[in-house]
């Protein structure tokens, strides 16, 4: 019975870190927002974005997931 609880605890820890690793890797490959979406948001607010603003926002989003 002790081995069962020990195995369950080790499995949960390994599963947690594996899921976290794969989730971060997936977010880096497929970000939830891209430059086209940022341009659309700016246009909806009535502003014309320039490239430096878009690059700055994308960098802050990408830094958040690392």
Protein backbone atom coordinates (compact mmCIF):
# COMPACT_ATOMS: atom_id res chain seq x y z
CA UNK A 1 0.00 0.00 0.00
CA UNK A 2 2.89 2.33 0.76
CA UNK A 3 4.36 1.67 -2.68
CA UNK A 4 1.03 2.58 -4.27
CA UNK A 5 0.92 5.97 -2.57
CA UNK A 6 4.59 6.58 -3.32
CA UNK A 7 4.08 5.66 -6.98
CA UNK A 8 1.03 7.91 -7.20
CA UNK A 9 2.91 10.87 -5.69
CA UNK A 10 5.88 10.42 -8.04
CA UNK A 11 3.54 10.06 -11.01
CA UNK A 12 1.70 13.25 -10.13
CA UNK A 13 4.93 15.23 -9.82
CA UNK A 14 6.31 13.90 -13.10
CA UNK A 15 2.97 14.46 -14.83
CA UNK A 16 2.78 18.04 -13.60
CA UNK A 17 6.23 18.97 -14.91
CA UNK A 18 5.71 17.14 -18.21
CA UNK A 19 2.37 18.88 -18.82
CA UNK A 20 3.92 22.25 -17.96
CA UNK A 21 6.81 21.65 -20.37
CA UNK A 22 4.54 20.63 -23.26
CA UNK A 23 2.14 23.52 -22.61
CA UNK A 24 4.95 26.10 -22.71
CA UNK A 25 6.41 24.51 -25.84
CA UNK A 26 3.00 24.62 -27.54
CA UNK A 27 2.48 28.28 -26.61
CA UNK A 28 5.84 29.21 -28.12
CA UNK A 29 5.02 27.43 -31.38
CA UNK A 30 1.41 28.67 -31.56
CA UNK A 31 1.02 31.95 -29.72
CA UNK A 32 -2.53 32.88 -28.70
CA UNK A 33 -2.20 36.27 -30.40
CA UNK A 34 -0.30 37.36 -33.49
CA UNK A 35 0.62 40.60 -35.22
CA UNK A 36 -2.49 40.56 -37.38
CA UNK A 37 -4.71 40.43 -34.28
CA UNK A 38 -2.81 43.31 -32.68
CA UNK A 39 -3.28 45.43 -35.81
CA UNK A 40 -7.01 44.66 -35.76
CA UNK A 41 -7.25 45.69 -32.08
CA UNK A 42 -5.54 49.01 -32.79
CA UNK A 43 -7.78 49.67 -35.79
CA UNK A 44 -10.90 48.95 -33.68
CA UNK A 45 -9.68 51.54 -31.18
CA UNK A 46 -9.34 54.05 -34.00
CA UNK A 47 -5.54 54.12 -34.02
CA UNK A 48 -3.12 53.32 -36.78
CA UNK A 49 -0.35 51.19 -35.27
CA UNK A 50 3.25 51.47 -36.36
CA UNK A 51 5.66 48.54 -36.51
CA UNK A 52 7.57 49.50 -33.36
CA UNK A 53 4.39 49.37 -31.27
CA UNK A 54 3.43 45.99 -32.73
CA UNK A 55 6.92 44.55 -32.21
CA UNK A 56 7.01 45.87 -28.62
CA UNK A 57 3.66 44.23 -27.81
CA UNK A 58 4.69 40.93 -29.44
CA UNK A 59 7.97 40.94 -27.50
CA UNK A 60 6.18 41.52 -24.19
CA UNK A 61 3.75 38.68 -24.95
CA UNK A 62 6.56 36.31 -25.95
CA UNK A 63 8.62 37.21 -22.88
CA UNK A 64 5.64 36.38 -20.70
CA UNK A 65 5.59 32.74 -21.91
CA UNK A 66 9.31 32.05 -21.44
